Protein backbone atom coordinates (compact mmCIF):
# COMPACT_ATOMS: atom_id res chain seq x y z
CA MET A 1 118.71 136.48 56.66
CA ASP A 2 116.72 139.72 57.65
CA THR A 3 112.91 138.44 59.79
CA THR A 4 111.29 141.81 59.71
CA PRO A 5 108.42 141.32 57.87
CA TYR A 6 108.10 137.94 59.26
CA ARG A 7 107.94 139.72 62.94
CA LYS A 8 105.62 142.33 61.95
CA ARG A 9 103.31 140.16 60.60
CA PHE A 10 103.65 137.83 63.26
CA THR A 11 103.26 140.93 65.71
CA LYS A 12 100.02 142.11 64.33
CA THR A 13 99.05 138.49 63.85
CA ILE A 14 99.32 138.51 68.63
CA LYS A 15 97.36 141.71 68.94
CA THR A 16 94.87 141.17 66.71
CA GLY A 17 94.13 138.07 68.52
CA GLU A 18 94.36 139.63 72.13
CA GLU A 19 91.40 141.68 70.65
CA THR A 20 89.38 139.39 69.11
CA LYS A 21 89.28 138.65 72.95
CA ARG A 22 89.27 141.75 74.13
CA LYS A 23 85.67 142.42 71.72
CA ARG A 24 84.63 138.67 72.50
CA LYS A 25 84.57 139.38 76.32
CA GLU A 26 82.45 142.91 75.25
CA THR A 27 80.12 140.87 73.41
CA HIS A 28 79.78 138.18 76.11
CA ASN A 29 78.92 140.57 79.50
CA MET A 30 76.58 143.19 76.55
CA SER A 31 74.40 139.55 75.44
CA GLU A 32 74.31 138.39 79.94
CA SER A 33 73.48 141.72 80.75
CA LYS A 34 70.52 141.70 78.07
CA SER A 35 66.72 139.73 78.13
CA SER A 36 67.27 136.40 76.71
CA GLY A 37 64.87 137.61 73.64
CA GLY A 38 62.88 134.47 73.01
CA ILE A 39 59.63 133.61 73.10
CA SER A 40 57.74 133.50 76.37
CA PHE A 41 54.81 130.94 77.39
CA CYS A 42 51.75 133.32 76.21
CA GLY A 43 53.39 133.87 73.24
CA LEU A 44 53.80 130.07 72.03
CA LEU A 45 50.61 128.70 73.40
CA THR A 46 49.12 131.39 70.75
CA ILE A 47 51.13 130.03 67.87
CA VAL A 48 49.31 126.55 69.21
CA PHE A 49 46.53 128.22 69.71
CA ILE A 50 46.44 129.37 66.27
CA VAL A 51 47.45 126.68 64.62
CA LEU A 52 45.36 124.40 66.10
CA LYS A 53 42.43 126.33 64.93
CA LEU A 54 42.99 127.38 60.62
CA THR A 55 44.49 123.42 61.03
CA ASN A 56 39.72 123.20 62.03
CA VAL A 57 41.47 121.12 65.05
CA ILE A 58 39.32 123.35 67.90
CA ALA A 59 36.34 125.63 66.82
CA TRP A 60 37.09 128.18 69.22
CA SER A 61 36.31 132.09 68.74
CA TRP A 62 39.18 134.34 68.01
CA LEU A 63 38.95 135.46 71.07
CA TRP A 64 40.03 132.39 73.09
CA VAL A 65 42.69 131.48 70.58
CA LEU A 66 44.05 135.25 71.27
CA ALA A 67 43.51 134.88 74.83
CA PRO A 68 46.99 133.71 76.23
CA LEU A 69 47.79 137.63 75.11
CA TRP A 70 45.42 139.48 76.23
CA LEU A 71 44.25 137.24 79.39
CA PRO A 72 47.59 138.18 81.80
CA LEU A 73 46.55 142.31 80.40
CA ALA A 74 43.74 141.46 82.47
CA ILE A 75 44.12 139.68 85.38
CA CYS A 76 46.94 141.93 86.11
CA LEU A 77 44.74 145.12 85.73
CA GLY A 78 41.97 143.34 87.94
CA ILE A 79 44.81 142.47 90.33
CA ALA A 80 45.40 146.16 90.25
CA ALA A 81 41.74 148.05 90.86
CA ALA A 82 40.90 145.40 93.69
CA ALA A 83 43.53 147.34 95.10
CA ALA A 84 42.61 150.48 94.22
CA ILE A 85 39.11 149.42 95.94
CA SER A 86 40.13 148.04 98.67
CA LEU A 87 42.28 150.93 99.02
CA GLY A 88 39.58 153.51 98.49
CA VAL A 89 37.62 151.66 101.14
CA ILE A 90 40.60 151.07 103.79
CA SER A 91 41.16 155.10 103.51
CA LEU A 92 37.03 156.16 103.80
CA PHE A 93 37.29 154.30 106.96
CA ASP A 94 40.33 155.06 108.26
CA LYS A 95 39.59 158.96 108.70
CA LYS A 96 40.14 160.28 112.01
């Protein structure tokens, strides 16, 4: 009884299984290095506000409905401007 074709098929299956495990491990490692890609709190809040505005639950201006998108950036820019101004004032008084 010749079992050569069976052995070839079995060996190929073992190699394929090992390759699959290796590929899964590589994919898992790549997914750990990337960001989660989910929706942020501000994004979710914006969606909630838009739905509430479109269903006439709130009567806010679109400026405030979309505030979760632009407000964090405005706060960061305000902090950066305050820091730049304070550093400028300090450098004016610190000249020796």
